[in-house]
């Protein structure tokens, strides 16, 4: 015989618990608690419980309190667990409050055995179906909404690229790309809008990678590129182009400019001497986190870890666009060469206007200024 599914009945009345238990006997394995606090402790520890039937009025912690604690819990199994509330009346305010908190169903203490079994069976069937769909989605190789590969597929491709690289003494690299401050962007625009911006950029990148490369989702605000037969140096050049494109882009939402930047972590089979796909991914994640914790807007790669890559030269027009987008950090790094290009224009302006702009003093200050900050 298969093991019975376990149900928790929570009520301070022993008679009510016994009555409900008799209705479910032989169909479900029953566990009982007499108040919400005891039920909460039991649910945290007992992973086999699949549904809760709870009274509303109880000492210590009532049904509302237990339901609110479950739906706000960080454990997904408790967030989603079916919760049936025993309601002694049809008070509309009570039912509306329970629905806002996430109740699954209502029953009365006088419910008959057939109806109770049917309702519990329907709730558990719904949970089973949802879990099956989620598991199926994890196994999919391509996200039907975005058209990008799934994380699971990226993991499989990483393993395949690593295996090929080790057999043929070739290289393979993984780039993990993430938007800096994605959590803040989500809070500012909402999860849907922030996701759309990242997805739009990811699709643009997908058009620029080779056919043998695989690009897919990794986590919110992050995506990965598996690049067989590619050295970390080549990946670094490509990653820098991506980083600069985002840093200098003028992107608006709701009439406001968005300060977007990205960081990229790169790991490679030969360059980092890794022997498993998991190690390759973990190393790319570690370098991405290092880039983010260092202020973001940079690329981390073992091939160039001893020296920071040089910033690309900005012309005056690019510098003005960055200033208009309130992205002063990149401009400040090249303030000295930019200012030197402007000096002839300032000299002409000084001559024509007759205003002493103290150009010699500006030159002296520029000469004393570090190359970048």
Protein backbone atom coordinates (compact mmCIF):
# COMPACT_ATOMS: atom_id res chain seq x y z
CA UNK A 1 0.00 0.00 0.00
CA UNK A 2 1.14 3.54 -0.72
CA UNK A 3 1.79 5.83 2.21
CA UNK A 4 -1.15 8.08 3.12
CA UNK A 5 -0.77 11.82 2.63
CA UNK A 6 -0.51 13.69 5.91
CA UNK A 7 -2.98 16.41 6.96
CA UNK A 8 -2.65 18.69 10.00
CA UNK A 9 -5.85 19.55 11.91
CA UNK A 10 -5.56 22.59 14.19
CA UNK A 11 -8.37 23.29 16.69
CA UNK A 12 -8.51 23.94 20.41
CA UNK A 13 -11.55 21.64 20.63
CA UNK A 14 -10.67 17.98 21.01
CA UNK A 15 -14.16 17.03 19.83
CA UNK A 16 -13.81 18.98 16.58
CA UNK A 17 -10.42 17.43 15.91
CA UNK A 18 -11.81 13.97 16.57
CA UNK A 19 -14.81 14.57 14.32
CA UNK A 20 -12.72 15.77 11.38
CA UNK A 21 -10.27 12.96 11.97
CA UNK A 22 -13.04 10.37 11.70
CA UNK A 23 -14.15 11.88 8.39
CA UNK A 24 -10.66 11.50 6.95
CA UNK A 25 -9.65 8.22 8.58
CA UNK A 26 -8.28 5.66 6.15
CA UNK A 27 -7.83 8.25 3.39
CA UNK A 28 -5.30 10.56 5.04
CA UNK A 29 -2.75 10.31 7.84
CA UNK A 30 -3.88 12.81 10.50
CA UNK A 31 -1.77 14.91 12.85
CA UNK A 32 -3.37 17.22 15.43
CA UNK A 33 -2.42 20.42 17.25
CA UNK A 34 -4.56 22.57 19.56
CA UNK A 35 -3.36 26.10 18.67
CA UNK A 36 -1.66 28.06 15.90
CA UNK A 37 1.72 28.35 17.60
CA UNK A 38 2.05 24.59 18.08
CA UNK A 39 0.88 24.08 14.51
CA UNK A 40 3.52 26.50 13.20
CA UNK A 41 6.33 24.65 14.99
CA UNK A 42 5.03 21.33 13.71
CA UNK A 43 4.81 22.56 10.12
CA UNK A 44 8.37 23.88 10.15
CA UNK A 45 9.74 20.55 11.37
CA UNK A 46 7.43 18.03 9.67
CA UNK A 47 8.00 18.22 5.91
CA UNK A 48 5.49 15.44 5.24
CA UNK A 49 2.41 17.58 6.03
CA UNK A 50 0.69 18.50 2.77
CA UNK A 51 -2.38 20.48 3.91
CA UNK A 52 -3.75 22.30 6.96
CA UNK A 53 -7.30 22.44 8.33
CA UNK A 54 -7.44 25.16 10.98
CA UNK A 55 -10.01 26.73 13.27
CA UNK A 56 -10.25 30.51 13.36
CA UNK A 57 -10.60 31.23 17.09
CA UNK A 58 -7.75 29.65 19.07
CA UNK A 59 -5.51 30.65 21.99
CA UNK A 60 -1.88 31.77 21.63
CA UNK A 61 -2.06 32.12 17.81
CA UNK A 62 -5.39 32.11 15.96
CA UNK A 63 -6.16 30.93 12.44
CA UNK A 64 -5.53 34.34 10.88
CA UNK A 65 -2.13 34.55 12.56
CA UNK A 66 -1.13 31.06 11.43
CA UNK A 67 -2.23 31.71 7.85
CA UNK A 68 -0.39 35.05 7.70
CA UNK A 69 2.77 33.47 9.09
CA UNK A 70 2.67 30.66 6.53
CA UNK A 71 2.08 32.90 3.52
CA UNK A 72 4.87 35.23 4.64
CA UNK A 73 7.33 32.39 5.28
CA UNK A 74 10.53 32.11 3.24
CA UNK A 75 10.01 28.35 2.84
CA UNK A 76 8.17 27.81 -0.43
CA UNK A 77 6.52 24.57 0.74
CA UNK A 78 4.83 26.53 3.54
CA UNK A 79 4.01 29.52 1.35
CA UNK A 80 2.07 27.24 -1.00
CA UNK A 81 0.61 24.68 1.42
CA UNK A 82 -3.20 24.33 1.09
CA UNK A 83 -4.89 26.03 4.05
CA UNK A 84 -8.55 25.30 4.82
CA UNK A 85 -10.18 27.57 7.41
CA UNK A 86 -12.99 26.31 9.66
CA UNK A 87 -15.53 29.11 9.70
CA UNK A 88 -18.36 29.06 12.21
CA UNK A 89 -20.39 31.72 10.42
CA UNK A 90 -20.72 33.46 7.08
CA UNK A 91 -19.36 36.82 8.22
CA UNK A 92 -18.28 38.61 5.02
CA UNK A 93 -15.48 40.62 6.65
CA UNK A 94 -13.97 37.43 8.08
CA UNK A 95 -14.03 35.68 4.71
CA UNK A 96 -12.60 38.68 2.85
CA UNK A 97 -9.75 39.01 5.34
CA UNK A 98 -8.94 35.30 5.01
CA UNK A 99 -8.96 35.58 1.22
CA UNK A 100 -6.56 38.55 1.34
CA UNK A 101 -4.20 36.48 3.50
CA UNK A 102 -4.28 33.61 0.99
CA UNK A 103 -6.74 31.02 2.35
CA UNK A 104 -7.35 28.07 0.03
CA UNK A 105 -10.90 27.14 1.08
CA UNK A 106 -13.53 27.42 3.84
CA UNK A 107 -15.48 24.68 5.62
CA UNK A 108 -17.92 24.59 8.52
CA UNK A 109 -17.62 22.38 11.59
CA UNK A 110 -20.69 20.43 10.48
CA UNK A 111 -19.29 19.46 7.07
CA UNK A 112 -19.96 15.87 6.00
CA UNK A 113 -17.19 13.37 5.26
CA UNK A 114 -17.80 13.17 1.50
CA UNK A 115 -17.64 16.91 0.93
CA UNK A 116 -14.54 17.28 3.11
CA UNK A 117 -12.70 14.51 1.26
CA UNK A 118 -13.70 15.99 -2.11
CA UNK A 119 -12.46 19.48 -1.22
CA UNK A 120 -9.16 18.24 0.17
CA UNK A 121 -8.67 15.99 -2.84
CA UNK A 122 -9.24 18.90 -5.24
CA UNK A 123 -6.76 21.13 -3.39
CA UNK A 124 -4.07 18.46 -3.34
CA UNK A 125 -4.66 17.67 -7.01
CA UNK A 126 -4.21 21.34 -7.84
CA UNK A 127 -0.89 21.41 -5.96
CA UNK A 128 0.26 18.23 -7.72
CA UNK A 129 -0.58 19.72 -11.13
CA UNK A 130 1.23 22.96 -10.40
CA UNK A 131 4.34 21.14 -9.19
CA UNK A 132 4.29 18.97 -12.30
CA UNK A 133 4.12 22.06 -14.51
CA UNK A 134 6.99 23.70 -12.62
CA UNK A 135 9.13 20.57 -12.95
CA UNK A 136 8.31 20.39 -16.66
CA UNK A 137 9.31 24.03 -17.09
CA UNK A 138 12.66 23.38 -15.40
CA UNK A 139 13.36 20.60 -17.90
CA UNK A 140 12.52 22.80 -20.88
CA UNK A 141 15.47 23.91 -22.96
CA UNK A 142 13.91 27.15 -24.17
CA UNK A 143 11.74 29.72 -22.43
CA UNK A 144 8.56 30.05 -24.54
CA UNK A 145 8.07 33.70 -23.55
CA UNK A 146 11.57 35.09 -24.14
CA UNK A 147 12.91 32.64 -26.70
CA UNK A 148 16.16 32.36 -24.70
CA UNK A 149 17.53 29.12 -23.33
CA UNK A 150 16.72 28.14 -19.75
CA UNK A 151 19.26 27.91 -16.95
CA UNK A 152 19.01 24.12 -17.04
CA UNK A 153 19.99 24.13 -20.72
CA UNK A 154 22.89 26.49 -20.00
CA UNK A 155 24.14 24.06 -17.37
CA UNK A 156 23.92 21.17 -19.84
CA UNK A 157 25.70 23.17 -22.55
CA UNK A 158 28.44 24.11 -20.08
CA UNK A 159 29.02 20.43 -19.32
CA UNK A 160 29.11 19.57 -23.02
CA UNK A 161 31.52 22.42 -23.87
CA UNK A 162 33.81 21.46 -20.99
CA UNK A 163 33.84 17.79 -22.02
CA UNK A 164 34.73 18.71 -25.61
CA UNK A 165 37.45 21.14 -24.45
CA UNK A 166 39.10 18.55 -22.21
CA UNK A 167 39.04 15.86 -24.92
CA UNK A 168 40.52 18.09 -27.61
CA UNK A 169 42.79 20.25 -25.44
CA UNK A 170 40.83 23.30 -26.52
CA UNK A 171 39.29 26.09 -24.48
CA UNK A 172 35.71 26.99 -23.65
CA UNK A 173 34.47 30.00 -21.74
CA UNK A 174 31.41 31.05 -19.79
CA UNK A 175 30.30 34.67 -19.43
CA UNK A 176 27.87 35.51 -16.64
CA UNK A 177 26.31 38.91 -17.29
CA UNK A 178 24.32 40.87 -14.72
CA UNK A 179 22.75 44.32 -14.52
CA UNK A 180 24.12 46.26 -11.56
CA UNK A 181 21.58 47.27 -8.90
CA UNK A 182 18.87 45.12 -10.50
CA UNK A 183 16.97 44.94 -7.20
CA UNK A 184 16.81 48.74 -7.08
CA UNK A 185 15.73 48.83 -10.73
CA UNK A 186 12.94 46.37 -9.92
CA UNK A 187 11.78 48.48 -6.99
CA UNK A 188 11.84 51.60 -9.18
CA UNK A 189 10.06 50.21 -12.26
CA UNK A 190 8.35 47.07 -11.06
CA UNK A 191 9.39 43.49 -11.72
CA UNK A 192 7.72 43.27 -15.14
CA UNK A 193 9.20 46.47 -16.59
CA UNK A 194 12.68 45.78 -15.24
CA UNK A 195 12.54 42.28 -16.71
CA UNK A 196 11.47 43.65 -20.09
CA UNK A 197 14.46 46.01 -20.23
CA UNK A 198 16.91 43.21 -19.44
CA UNK A 199 15.21 40.84 -21.87
CA UNK A 200 15.36 43.39 -24.68
CA UNK A 201 19.11 43.76 -24.21
CA UNK A 202 19.58 39.97 -23.96
CA UNK A 203 17.81 39.50 -27.27
CA UNK A 204 20.07 42.09 -28.88
CA UNK A 205 23.09 40.22 -27.56
CA UNK A 206 21.66 36.94 -28.87
CA UNK A 207 21.78 38.39 -32.38
CA UNK A 208 25.51 39.11 -32.02
CA UNK A 209 26.86 35.81 -30.67
CA UNK A 210 28.02 32.94 -32.85
CA UNK A 211 25.69 30.11 -33.82
CA UNK A 212 27.68 27.69 -31.68
CA UNK A 213 27.31 29.92 -28.60
CA UNK A 214 24.36 29.50 -26.23
CA UNK A 215 22.75 32.43 -24.40
CA UNK A 216 20.11 31.95 -21.73
CA UNK A 217 18.55 33.12 -18.50
CA UNK A 218 20.52 32.47 -15.33
CA UNK A 219 18.60 34.39 -12.64
CA UNK A 220 16.60 37.65 -12.45
CA UNK A 221 18.62 40.38 -14.16
CA UNK A 222 21.34 37.95 -15.20
CA UNK A 223 22.02 35.79 -18.23
CA UNK A 224 24.87 33.54 -19.33
CA UNK A 225 26.71 32.81 -22.56
CA UNK A 226 28.46 29.47 -23.10
CA UNK A 227 31.15 29.91 -25.76
CA UNK A 228 32.89 26.68 -26.93
CA UNK A 229 36.37 27.02 -28.42
CA UNK A 230 36.77 30.60 -27.20
CA UNK A 231 39.59 31.96 -25.07
CA UNK A 232 38.94 34.22 -22.08
CA UNK A 233 40.83 37.02 -23.84
CA UNK A 234 38.38 36.94 -26.76
CA UNK A 235 35.43 36.82 -24.37
CA UNK A 236 36.87 39.76 -22.48
CA UNK A 237 36.94 41.92 -25.62
CA UNK A 238 33.32 41.02 -26.36
CA UNK A 239 32.29 41.58 -22.73
CA UNK A 240 33.89 45.03 -22.71
CA UNK A 241 31.92 46.00 -25.79
CA UNK A 242 28.71 44.96 -24.05
CA UNK A 243 29.60 46.80 -20.86
CA UNK A 244 30.42 50.02 -22.70
CA UNK A 245 27.24 49.80 -24.79
CA UNK A 246 25.08 49.66 -21.66
CA UNK A 247 27.10 52.27 -19.78
CA UNK A 248 26.83 54.84 -22.57
CA UNK A 249 23.25 54.04 -23.62
CA UNK A 250 20.56 56.65 -22.95
CA UNK A 251 17.56 54.62 -21.77
CA UNK A 252 14.40 56.20 -20.42
CA UNK A 253 11.29 54.94 -18.68
CA UNK A 254 8.32 57.10 -17.86
CA UNK A 255 10.21 60.15 -19.12
CA UNK A 256 13.11 59.57 -16.71
CA UNK A 257 16.64 58.51 -17.60
CA UNK A 258 17.76 55.19 -16.14
CA UNK A 259 21.28 54.84 -14.79
CA UNK A 260 22.10 51.38 -16.11
CA UNK A 261 25.36 49.51 -16.01
CA UNK A 262 26.39 45.87 -16.06
CA UNK A 263 29.12 43.66 -14.70
CA UNK A 264 30.44 40.45 -16.24
CA UNK A 265 32.29 37.47 -14.79
CA UNK A 266 34.27 35.22 -17.14
CA UNK A 267 35.63 31.74 -16.47
CA UNK A 268 37.37 29.35 -18.88
CA UNK A 269 38.30 25.68 -18.93
CA UNK A 270 42.01 26.00 -19.71
CA UNK A 271 42.67 29.42 -18.26
CA UNK A 272 41.19 28.46 -14.90
CA UNK A 273 42.00 24.74 -15.06
CA UNK A 274 38.50 23.66 -14.06
CA UNK A 275 37.38 20.06 -14.52
CA UNK A 276 33.61 20.31 -13.98
CA UNK A 277 30.77 22.39 -15.35
CA UNK A 278 29.72 23.25 -11.82
CA UNK A 279 33.16 24.69 -11.06
CA UNK A 280 33.10 26.70 -14.29
CA UNK A 281 29.73 28.24 -13.44
CA UNK A 282 30.64 28.85 -9.79
CA UNK A 283 33.83 30.64 -10.81
CA UNK A 284 31.98 32.90 -13.25
CA UNK A 285 29.43 33.66 -10.49
CA UNK A 286 32.23 34.44 -8.05
CA UNK A 287 33.85 36.88 -10.47
CA UNK A 288 30.54 38.55 -11.23
CA UNK A 289 29.91 39.05 -7.52
CA UNK A 290 33.45 40.43 -7.15
CA UNK A 291 32.76 42.92 -9.94
CA UNK A 292 29.46 44.00 -8.37
CA UNK A 293 30.89 44.36 -4.86
CA UNK A 294 33.71 46.47 -6.29
CA UNK A 295 31.27 49.08 -7.58
CA UNK A 296 29.99 47.39 -10.71
CA UNK A 297 30.35 48.39 -14.36
CA UNK A 298 33.38 46.20 -14.97
CA UNK A 299 34.53 42.82 -16.29
CA UNK A 300 36.36 40.25 -14.17
CA UNK A 301 38.45 37.65 -15.93
CA UNK A 302 41.43 35.50 -14.90
CA UNK A 303 43.35 36.34 -18.08
CA UNK A 304 43.47 40.00 -17.11
CA UNK A 305 43.17 39.89 -13.33
CA UNK A 306 46.65 41.38 -12.84
CA UNK A 307 45.72 44.58 -14.63
CA UNK A 308 42.54 46.56 -15.07
CA UNK A 309 41.50 46.97 -18.72
CA UNK A 310 41.99 50.43 -20.12
CA UNK A 311 38.95 52.62 -20.57
CA UNK A 312 38.06 53.30 -24.21
CA UNK A 313 38.83 56.80 -25.42
CA UNK A 314 35.85 59.17 -25.34
CA UNK A 315 35.30 61.98 -27.78
CA UNK A 316 33.68 65.26 -26.73
CA UNK A 317 30.26 64.30 -28.09
CA UNK A 318 30.23 61.01 -26.19
CA UNK A 319 31.29 62.78 -23.01
CA UNK A 320 28.45 65.28 -23.35
CA UNK A 321 25.93 62.47 -23.89
CA UNK A 322 27.16 60.74 -20.74
CA UNK A 323 26.90 63.96 -18.76
CA UNK A 324 23.35 64.53 -20.00
CA UNK A 325 22.54 60.97 -18.89
CA UNK A 326 24.04 61.84 -15.47
CA UNK A 327 26.74 59.18 -15.90
CA UNK A 328 29.69 61.23 -14.70
CA UNK A 329 31.87 58.39 -13.44
CA UNK A 330 33.15 57.39 -16.90
CA UNK A 331 33.74 61.03 -17.87
CA UNK A 332 35.72 61.74 -14.68
CA UNK A 333 38.11 58.91 -15.51
CA UNK A 334 39.04 60.70 -18.74
CA UNK A 335 38.61 64.28 -17.62
CA UNK A 336 42.28 65.16 -18.23
CA UNK A 337 42.53 64.09 -21.92
CA UNK A 338 39.06 65.52 -22.60
CA UNK A 339 40.02 68.86 -21.07
CA UNK A 340 43.26 69.00 -23.06
CA UNK A 341 41.24 68.65 -26.26
CA UNK A 342 39.05 71.57 -25.19
CA UNK A 343 41.93 73.92 -24.32
CA UNK A 344 42.40 75.29 -27.88
CA UNK A 345 38.71 76.17 -27.99
CA UNK A 346 38.94 77.84 -24.57
CA UNK A 347 41.98 79.85 -25.72
CA UNK A 348 40.04 81.08 -28.74
CA UNK A 349 37.09 81.97 -26.56
CA UNK A 350 39.38 83.85 -24.19
CA UNK A 351 40.89 85.85 -27.06
CA UNK A 352 37.54 86.74 -28.63
CA UNK A 353 35.74 87.57 -25.41
CA UNK A 354 38.58 89.30 -23.60
CA UNK A 355 37.73 87.34 -20.44
CA UNK A 356 40.70 85.91 -18.53
CA UNK A 357 39.90 82.25 -18.09
CA UNK A 358 43.23 81.46 -16.43
CA UNK A 359 44.09 78.81 -19.00
CA UNK A 360 47.64 78.44 -17.64
CA UNK A 361 46.24 77.66 -14.20
CA UNK A 362 43.89 75.07 -15.72
CA UNK A 363 46.83 73.43 -17.50
CA UNK A 364 48.79 73.27 -14.25
CA UNK A 365 45.89 71.69 -12.34
CA UNK A 366 45.35 69.15 -15.09
CA UNK A 367 49.02 68.18 -15.05
CA UNK A 368 48.78 67.51 -11.30
CA UNK A 369 45.57 65.51 -11.58
CA UNK A 370 45.82 61.67 -11.55
CA UNK A 371 45.05 59.98 -14.85
CA UNK A 372 41.84 58.42 -13.47
CA UNK A 373 39.80 58.39 -10.30
